[in-house]
Amino acid sequence: MTTEFILRQLFFRPRPPAEWLTVPGLEKAQAEQLLDWLENHGYEQRRVAVSADGRLAVRYRPRRLADLANR
């Protein structure tokens, strides 16, 4: 999975506005890269989950909604 693929999942996938979004099937380095990117772009609500096969999933909330929820 490339960084370009991950970024496409972040921005070009249709989704309901309030849900947590998930990028599944990541290796450790990919998850770290994505978490760093999310942090650097102001996404405060981020989570990591480990699947049964040991792959990682990064969960995050869209920045706009995270900001509204914290007010």
C-alpha atoms as a PDB file:
ATOM      1  CA  MET A   1       0.000   0.000   0.000  1.00  0.00           C
ATOM      2  CA  THR A   2       1.496   3.332  -1.008  1.00  0.00           C
ATOM      3  CA  THR A   3       1.173   6.697   0.683  1.00  0.00           C
ATOM      4  CA  GLU A   4      -0.708   7.902  -2.410  1.00  0.00           C
ATOM      5  CA  PHE A   5      -3.269   5.112  -1.963  1.00  0.00           C
ATOM      6  CA  ILE A   6      -3.704   5.997   1.706  1.00  0.00           C
ATOM      7  CA  LEU A   7      -4.199   9.683   0.927  1.00  0.00           C
ATOM      8  CA  ARG A   8      -6.819   8.786  -1.677  1.00  0.00           C
ATOM      9  CA  GLN A   9      -8.658   6.802   0.992  1.00  0.00           C
ATOM     10  CA  LEU A  10      -8.556   9.860   3.247  1.00  0.00           C
ATOM     11  CA  PHE A  11      -9.939  12.380   0.787  1.00  0.00           C
ATOM     12  CA  PHE A  12     -11.761  10.820  -2.152  1.00  0.00           C
ATOM     13  CA  ARG A  13     -13.959   8.171  -0.621  1.00  0.00           C
ATOM     14  CA  PRO A  14     -17.650   9.109  -0.085  1.00  0.00           C
ATOM     15  CA  ARG A  15     -18.617   8.921   3.566  1.00  0.00           C
ATOM     16  CA  PRO A  16     -21.130  10.166   6.121  1.00  0.00           C
ATOM     17  CA  PRO A  17     -19.729  13.265   7.837  1.00  0.00           C
ATOM     18  CA  ALA A  18     -19.721  12.150  11.486  1.00  0.00           C
ATOM     19  CA  GLU A  19     -18.238   8.678  11.334  1.00  0.00           C
ATOM     20  CA  TRP A  20     -14.789   7.491  12.290  1.00  0.00           C
ATOM     21  CA  LEU A  21     -12.876   6.581   9.146  1.00  0.00           C
ATOM     22  CA  THR A  22     -10.618   3.523   8.939  1.00  0.00           C
ATOM     23  CA  VAL A  23      -7.595   2.663   6.802  1.00  0.00           C
ATOM     24  CA  PRO A  24      -7.126  -1.095   7.360  1.00  0.00           C
ATOM     25  CA  GLY A  25      -4.390  -3.593   6.492  1.00  0.00           C
ATOM     26  CA  LEU A  26      -1.344  -1.466   7.258  1.00  0.00           C
ATOM     27  CA  GLU A  27       2.118  -2.552   8.249  1.00  0.00           C
ATOM     28  CA  LYS A  28       3.779  -0.804  11.200  1.00  0.00           C
ATOM     29  CA  ALA A  29       5.770   1.672   9.092  1.00  0.00           C
ATOM     30  CA  GLN A  30       2.699   2.582   7.030  1.00  0.00           C
ATOM     31  CA  ALA A  31       0.589   3.152  10.138  1.00  0.00           C
ATOM     32  CA  GLU A  32       3.304   5.339  11.666  1.00  0.00           C
ATOM     33  CA  GLN A  33       3.554   7.362   8.460  1.00  0.00           C
ATOM     34  CA  LEU A  34      -0.196   7.879   8.320  1.00  0.00           C
ATOM     35  CA  LEU A  35      -0.446   8.794  12.012  1.00  0.00           C
ATOM     36  CA  ASP A  36       2.363  11.330  11.593  1.00  0.00           C
ATOM     37  CA  TRP A  37       0.635  12.822   8.562  1.00  0.00           C
ATOM     38  CA  LEU A  38      -2.700  13.054  10.387  1.00  0.00           C
ATOM     39  CA  GLU A  39      -1.056  14.696  13.401  1.00  0.00           C
ATOM     40  CA  ASN A  40       0.836  17.186  11.232  1.00  0.00           C
ATOM     41  CA  HIS A  41      -2.402  18.150   9.492  1.00  0.00           C
ATOM     42  CA  GLY A  42      -4.382  18.766  12.673  1.00  0.00           C
ATOM     43  CA  TYR A  43      -6.314  15.514  13.057  1.00  0.00           C
ATOM     44  CA  GLU A  44      -6.487  15.210  16.831  1.00  0.00           C
ATOM     45  CA  GLN A  45      -8.760  12.182  17.102  1.00  0.00           C
ATOM     46  CA  ARG A  46      -6.745   9.148  15.966  1.00  0.00           C
ATOM     47  CA  ARG A  47      -6.705   5.502  17.034  1.00  0.00           C
ATOM     48  CA  VAL A  48      -4.806   2.336  16.101  1.00  0.00           C
ATOM     49  CA  ALA A  49      -6.308  -1.146  16.162  1.00  0.00           C
ATOM     50  CA  VAL A  50      -4.568  -4.486  15.622  1.00  0.00           C
ATOM     51  CA  SER A  51      -6.380  -7.189  13.661  1.00  0.00           C
ATOM     52  CA  ALA A  52      -6.154 -10.909  14.332  1.00  0.00           C
ATOM     53  CA  ASP A  53      -3.545 -11.300  11.577  1.00  0.00           C
ATOM     54  CA  GLY A  54      -1.316  -8.648  13.155  1.00  0.00           C
ATOM     55  CA  ARG A  55      -2.009  -5.938  10.584  1.00  0.00           C
ATOM     56  CA  LEU A  56      -2.850  -2.463  11.809  1.00  0.00           C
ATOM     57  CA  ALA A  57      -5.811  -0.221  11.115  1.00  0.00           C
ATOM     58  CA  VAL A  58      -5.692   3.520  11.688  1.00  0.00           C
ATOM     59  CA  ARG A  59      -8.984   5.112  12.676  1.00  0.00           C
ATOM     60  CA  TYR A  60      -9.510   8.862  12.660  1.00  0.00           C
ATOM     61  CA  ARG A  61     -12.260  11.446  12.665  1.00  0.00           C
ATOM     62  CA  PRO A  62     -12.397  14.158  10.044  1.00  0.00           C
ATOM     63  CA  ARG A  63     -10.731  17.292  11.368  1.00  0.00           C
ATOM     64  CA  ARG A  64     -13.731  19.588  11.041  1.00  0.00           C
ATOM     65  CA  LEU A  65     -15.939  17.307  13.122  1.00  0.00           C
ATOM     66  CA  ALA A  66     -13.238  16.656  15.693  1.00  0.00           C
ATOM     67  CA  ASP A  67     -12.862  20.411  16.176  1.00  0.00           C
ATOM     68  CA  LEU A  68     -16.612  20.857  16.586  1.00  0.00           C
ATOM     69  CA  ALA A  69     -16.913  17.969  19.040  1.00  0.00           C
ATOM     70  CA  ASN A  70     -14.247  19.516  21.326  1.00  0.00           C
ATOM     71  CA  ARG A  71     -16.040  22.871  21.728  1.00  0.00           C
END
